[in-house]
Structure formats: structure tokens, C-alpha cells
Amino acid sequence: MSCEEGVNIARVGKKAPDFETNAFVEGGFQKIRLSDYFGKWIVICFYPGDFTFV
């Protein structure tokens, strides 16, 4: 299986690819990057379809 050029895919046991996203931090939204937390323990949770009427 091939992937599109420039797309990073997460793999078990490998370093997570860096990404940027919006996050709700201290009462407001801001852009964050995974690399901003290098050397720190973090937990990343994704809720697809959260806050929708699906």
C-alpha cells in the first residue's frame, strides 16, 4: 500500500510525526505543534464526530 507524497503516517513503536492543530488552552483556542512538547509526557485524544448529532 502506498501513501500520498508528503503525508506522514503514525506507526506503532516509531516516533510520532510532527503536526500542527488548534487546541483549547486556558479558555481559548490557539495553534499548537507536537514538537512544542518535545521531552514532555503528553496524551493526545481524538474525538471524531464529537459535538455533532450523528
PDB file of N, CA and C in Angstrom:
ATOM      1  N   MET A   1       0.847  -1.183   0.000  1.00  0.00           N
ATOM      2  CA  MET A   1       0.000   0.000   0.000  1.00  0.00           C
ATOM      3  C   MET A   1       0.885   1.236   0.000  1.00  0.00           C
ATOM      4  N   SER A   2       0.619   2.196  -0.845  1.00  0.00           N
ATOM      5  CA  SER A   2       1.398   3.423  -0.896  1.00  0.00           C
ATOM      6  C   SER A   2       0.576   4.568  -0.332  1.00  0.00           C
ATOM      7  N   CYS A   3       1.278   5.634   0.040  1.00  0.00           N
ATOM      8  CA  CYS A   3       0.578   6.814   0.545  1.00  0.00           C
ATOM      9  C   CYS A   3       0.980   8.006  -0.306  1.00  0.00           C
ATOM     10  N   GLU A   4       0.208   9.064  -0.206  1.00  0.00           N
ATOM     11  CA  GLU A   4       0.500  10.264  -0.973  1.00  0.00           C
ATOM     12  C   GLU A   4       1.810  10.879  -0.501  1.00  0.00           C
ATOM     13  N   GLU A   5       2.527  11.484  -1.409  1.00  0.00           N
ATOM     14  CA  GLU A   5       3.784  12.128  -1.066  1.00  0.00           C
ATOM     15  C   GLU A   5       3.521  13.281  -0.099  1.00  0.00           C
ATOM     16  N   GLY A   6       4.349  13.380   0.938  1.00  0.00           N
ATOM     17  CA  GLY A   6       4.212  14.454   1.911  1.00  0.00           C
ATOM     18  C   GLY A   6       3.295  14.128   3.075  1.00  0.00           C
ATOM     19  N   VAL A   7       2.675  12.949   3.062  1.00  0.00           N
ATOM     20  CA  VAL A   7       1.782  12.549   4.149  1.00  0.00           C
ATOM     21  C   VAL A   7       2.568  11.716   5.151  1.00  0.00           C
ATOM     22  N   ASN A   8       2.525  12.124   6.421  1.00  0.00           N
ATOM     23  CA  ASN A   8       3.179  11.361   7.483  1.00  0.00           C
ATOM     24  C   ASN A   8       2.180  10.407   8.106  1.00  0.00           C
ATOM     25  N   ILE A   9       2.586   9.173   8.307  1.00  0.00           N
ATOM     26  CA  ILE A   9       1.709   8.167   8.893  1.00  0.00           C
ATOM     27  C   ILE A   9       2.292   7.718  10.220  1.00  0.00           C
ATOM     28  N   ALA A  10       1.462   7.701  11.263  1.00  0.00           N
ATOM     29  CA  ALA A  10       1.907   7.230  12.572  1.00  0.00           C
ATOM     30  C   ALA A  10       2.099   5.717  12.522  1.00  0.00           C
ATOM     31  N   ARG A  11       3.165   5.241  13.143  1.00  0.00           N
ATOM     32  CA  ARG A  11       3.478   3.809  13.193  1.00  0.00           C
ATOM     33  C   ARG A  11       3.756   3.406  14.630  1.00  0.00           C
ATOM     34  N   VAL A  12       3.246   2.263  15.034  1.00  0.00           N
ATOM     35  CA  VAL A  12       3.478   1.739  16.378  1.00  0.00           C
ATOM     36  C   VAL A  12       4.968   1.532  16.591  1.00  0.00           C
ATOM     37  N   GLY A  13       5.481   2.024  17.714  1.00  0.00           N
ATOM     38  CA  GLY A  13       6.885   1.857  18.055  1.00  0.00           C
ATOM     39  C   GLY A  13       7.825   2.852  17.401  1.00  0.00           C
ATOM     40  N   LYS A  14       7.284   3.774  16.619  1.00  0.00           N
ATOM     41  CA  LYS A  14       8.101   4.785  15.940  1.00  0.00           C
ATOM     42  C   LYS A  14       7.774   6.171  16.498  1.00  0.00           C
ATOM     43  N   LYS A  15       8.685   7.119  16.280  1.00  0.00           N
ATOM     44  CA  LYS A  15       8.463   8.496  16.692  1.00  0.00           C
ATOM     45  C   LYS A  15       7.243   9.052  15.958  1.00  0.00           C
ATOM     46  N   ALA A  16       6.377   9.748  16.684  1.00  0.00           N
ATOM     47  CA  ALA A  16       5.171  10.322  16.081  1.00  0.00           C
ATOM     48  C   ALA A  16       5.545  11.452  15.138  1.00  0.00           C
ATOM     49  N   PRO A  17       4.882  11.545  13.984  1.00  0.00           N
ATOM     50  CA  PRO A  17       5.167  12.657  13.073  1.00  0.00           C
ATOM     51  C   PRO A  17       4.699  13.980  13.684  1.00  0.00           C
ATOM     52  N   ASP A  18       5.448  15.046  13.448  1.00  0.00           N
ATOM     53  CA  ASP A  18       5.066  16.360  13.960  1.00  0.00           C
ATOM     54  C   ASP A  18       3.828  16.839  13.217  1.00  0.00           C
ATOM     55  N   PHE A  19       2.940  17.535  13.915  1.00  0.00           N
ATOM     56  CA  PHE A  19       1.754  18.107  13.289  1.00  0.00           C
ATOM     57  C   PHE A  19       1.356  19.365  14.027  1.00  0.00           C
ATOM     58  N   GLU A  20       0.547  20.181  13.396  1.00  0.00           N
ATOM     59  CA  GLU A  20       0.021  21.409  13.988  1.00  0.00           C
ATOM     60  C   GLU A  20      -1.489  21.323  13.986  1.00  0.00           C
ATOM     61  N   THR A  21      -2.125  21.796  15.074  1.00  0.00           N
ATOM     62  CA  THR A  21      -3.576  21.762  15.175  1.00  0.00           C
ATOM     63  C   THR A  21      -4.048  22.860  16.114  1.00  0.00           C
ATOM     64  N   ASN A  22      -5.350  23.093  16.133  1.00  0.00           N
ATOM     65  CA  ASN A  22      -5.939  24.025  17.079  1.00  0.00           C
ATOM     66  C   ASN A  22      -6.252  23.269  18.361  1.00  0.00           C
ATOM     67  N   ALA A  23      -6.031  23.931  19.502  1.00  0.00           N
ATOM     68  CA  ALA A  23      -6.320  23.315  20.793  1.00  0.00           C
ATOM     69  C   ALA A  23      -6.961  24.354  21.701  1.00  0.00           C
ATOM     70  N   PHE A  24      -7.826  23.887  22.590  1.00  0.00           N
ATOM     71  CA  PHE A  24      -8.449  24.762  23.575  1.00  0.00           C
ATOM     72  C   PHE A  24      -7.541  24.794  24.788  1.00  0.00           C
ATOM     73  N   VAL A  25      -6.911  25.939  25.056  1.00  0.00           N
ATOM     74  CA  VAL A  25      -5.929  26.081  26.124  1.00  0.00           C
ATOM     75  C   VAL A  25      -6.294  27.279  26.982  1.00  0.00           C
ATOM     76  N   GLU A  26      -6.478  27.050  28.259  1.00  0.00           N
ATOM     77  CA  GLU A  26      -6.752  28.124  29.229  1.00  0.00           C
ATOM     78  C   GLU A  26      -7.825  29.098  28.755  1.00  0.00           C
ATOM     79  N   GLY A  27      -8.958  28.568  28.336  1.00  0.00           N
ATOM     80  CA  GLY A  27     -10.109  29.388  27.990  1.00  0.00           C
ATOM     81  C   GLY A  27     -10.182  29.902  26.571  1.00  0.00           C
ATOM     82  N   GLY A  28      -9.254  29.512  25.700  1.00  0.00           N
ATOM     83  CA  GLY A  28      -9.304  29.970  24.317  1.00  0.00           C
ATOM     84  C   GLY A  28      -8.583  29.014  23.382  1.00  0.00           C
ATOM     85  N   PHE A  29      -8.821  29.196  22.088  1.00  0.00           N
ATOM     86  CA  PHE A  29      -8.182  28.348  21.086  1.00  0.00           C
ATOM     87  C   PHE A  29      -6.855  28.955  20.651  1.00  0.00           C
ATOM     88  N   GLN A  30      -5.866  28.080  20.414  1.00  0.00           N
ATOM     89  CA  GLN A  30      -4.580  28.508  19.878  1.00  0.00           C
ATOM     90  C   GLN A  30      -3.983  27.372  19.076  1.00  0.00           C
ATOM     91  N   LYS A  31      -3.084  27.708  18.162  1.00  0.00           N
ATOM     92  CA  LYS A  31      -2.396  26.681  17.370  1.00  0.00           C
ATOM     93  C   LYS A  31      -1.250  26.111  18.197  1.00  0.00           C
ATOM     94  N   ILE A  32      -1.126  24.794  18.191  1.00  0.00           N
ATOM     95  CA  ILE A  32      -0.022  24.126  18.876  1.00  0.00           C
ATOM     96  C   ILE A  32       0.603  23.120  17.924  1.00  0.00           C
ATOM     97  N   ARG A  33       1.854  22.773  18.172  1.00  0.00           N
ATOM     98  CA  ARG A  33       2.558  21.744  17.404  1.00  0.00           C
ATOM     99  C   ARG A  33       2.994  20.657  18.383  1.00  0.00           C
ATOM    100  N   LEU A  34       3.020  19.438  17.912  1.00  0.00           N
ATOM    101  CA  LEU A  34       3.506  18.341  18.745  1.00  0.00           C
ATOM    102  C   LEU A  34       4.927  18.629  19.213  1.00  0.00           C
ATOM    103  N   SER A  35       5.746  19.204  18.352  1.00  0.00           N
ATOM    104  CA  SER A  35       7.141  19.490  18.710  1.00  0.00           C
ATOM    105  C   SER A  35       7.272  20.521  19.829  1.00  0.00           C
ATOM    106  N   ASP A  36       6.202  21.286  20.109  1.00  0.00           N
ATOM    107  CA  ASP A  36       6.226  22.238  21.228  1.00  0.00           C
ATOM    108  C   ASP A  36       6.376  21.513  22.567  1.00  0.00           C
ATOM    109  N   TYR A  37       6.035  20.243  22.593  1.00  0.00           N
ATOM    110  CA  TYR A  37       6.041  19.476  23.834  1.00  0.00           C
ATOM    111  C   TYR A  37       7.140  18.415  23.859  1.00  0.00           C
ATOM    112  N   PHE A  38       8.172  18.583  23.020  1.00  0.00           N
ATOM    113  CA  PHE A  38       9.271  17.638  22.959  1.00  0.00           C
ATOM    114  C   PHE A  38       9.900  17.473  24.339  1.00  0.00           C
ATOM    115  N   GLY A  39      10.103  16.225  24.756  1.00  0.00           N
ATOM    116  CA  GLY A  39      10.710  15.935  26.049  1.00  0.00           C
ATOM    117  C   GLY A  39       9.729  15.890  27.200  1.00  0.00           C
ATOM    118  N   LYS A  40       8.443  16.135  26.926  1.00  0.00           N
ATOM    119  CA  LYS A  40       7.410  16.096  27.972  1.00  0.00           C
ATOM    120  C   LYS A  40       6.458  14.940  27.686  1.00  0.00           C
ATOM    121  N   TRP A  41       5.857  14.425  28.737  1.00  0.00           N
ATOM    122  CA  TRP A  41       4.833  13.401  28.586  1.00  0.00           C
ATOM    123  C   TRP A  41       3.534  14.085  28.182  1.00  0.00           C
ATOM    124  N   ILE A  42       2.863  13.546  27.155  1.00  0.00           N
ATOM    125  CA  ILE A  42       1.580  14.092  26.721  1.00  0.00           C
ATOM    126  C   ILE A  42       0.611  12.959  26.402  1.00  0.00           C
ATOM    127  N   VAL A  43      -0.657  13.277  26.418  1.00  0.00           N
ATOM    128  CA  VAL A  43      -1.714  12.358  25.997  1.00  0.00           C
ATOM    129  C   VAL A  43      -2.498  13.075  24.909  1.00  0.00           C
ATOM    130  N   ILE A  44      -2.663  12.421  23.774  1.00  0.00           N
ATOM    131  CA  ILE A  44      -3.400  13.005  22.652  1.00  0.00           C
ATOM    132  C   ILE A  44      -4.690  12.219  22.471  1.00  0.00           C
ATOM    133  N   CYS A  45      -5.820  12.923  22.515  1.00  0.00           N
ATOM    134  CA  CYS A  45      -7.134  12.282  22.346  1.00  0.00           C
ATOM    135  C   CYS A  45      -7.843  12.895  21.146  1.00  0.00           C
ATOM    136  N   PHE A  46      -8.396  12.043  20.309  1.00  0.00           N
ATOM    137  CA  PHE A  46      -9.163  12.488  19.159  1.00  0.00           C
ATOM    138  C   PHE A  46     -10.599  12.010  19.332  1.00  0.00           C
ATOM    139  N   TYR A  47     -11.563  12.896  19.109  1.00  0.00           N
ATOM    140  CA  TYR A  47     -12.965  12.552  19.222  1.00  0.00           C
ATOM    141  C   TYR A  47     -13.661  12.842  17.900  1.00  0.00           C
ATOM    142  N   PRO A  48     -13.529  11.944  16.921  1.00  0.00           N
ATOM    143  CA  PRO A  48     -14.198  12.194  15.638  1.00  0.00           C
ATOM    144  C   PRO A  48     -15.706  12.233  15.818  1.00  0.00           C
ATOM    145  N   GLY A  49     -16.312  13.250  15.273  1.00  0.00           N
ATOM    146  CA  GLY A  49     -17.760  13.386  15.364  1.00  0.00           C
ATOM    147  C   GLY A  49     -18.267  13.889  16.694  1.00  0.00           C
ATOM    148  N   ASP A  50     -17.377  14.241  17.624  1.00  0.00           N
ATOM    149  CA  ASP A  50     -17.790  14.752  18.926  1.00  0.00           C
ATOM    150  C   ASP A  50     -18.498  16.099  18.716  1.00  0.00           C
ATOM    151  N   PHE A  51     -19.497  16.360  19.527  1.00  0.00           N
ATOM    152  CA  PHE A  51     -20.283  17.588  19.466  1.00  0.00           C
ATOM    153  C   PHE A  51     -21.093  17.674  18.188  1.00  0.00           C
ATOM    154  N   THR A  52     -21.435  16.535  17.607  1.00  0.00           N
ATOM    155  CA  THR A  52     -22.318  16.518  16.445  1.00  0.00           C
ATOM    156  C   THR A  52     -23.545  15.675  16.787  1.00  0.00           C
ATOM    157  N   PHE A  53     -24.548  15.739  15.960  1.00  0.00           N
ATOM    158  CA  PHE A  53     -25.782  14.997  16.192  1.00  0.00           C
ATOM    159  C   PHE A  53     -25.811  13.694  15.399  1.00  0.00           C
ATOM    160  N   VAL A  54     -24.661  13.073  15.212  1.00  0.00           N
ATOM    161  CA  VAL A  54     -24.576  11.811  14.464  1.00  0.00           C
ATOM    162  C   VAL A  54     -25.022  10.680  15.355  1.00  0.00           C
TER     163      VAL A  54
END
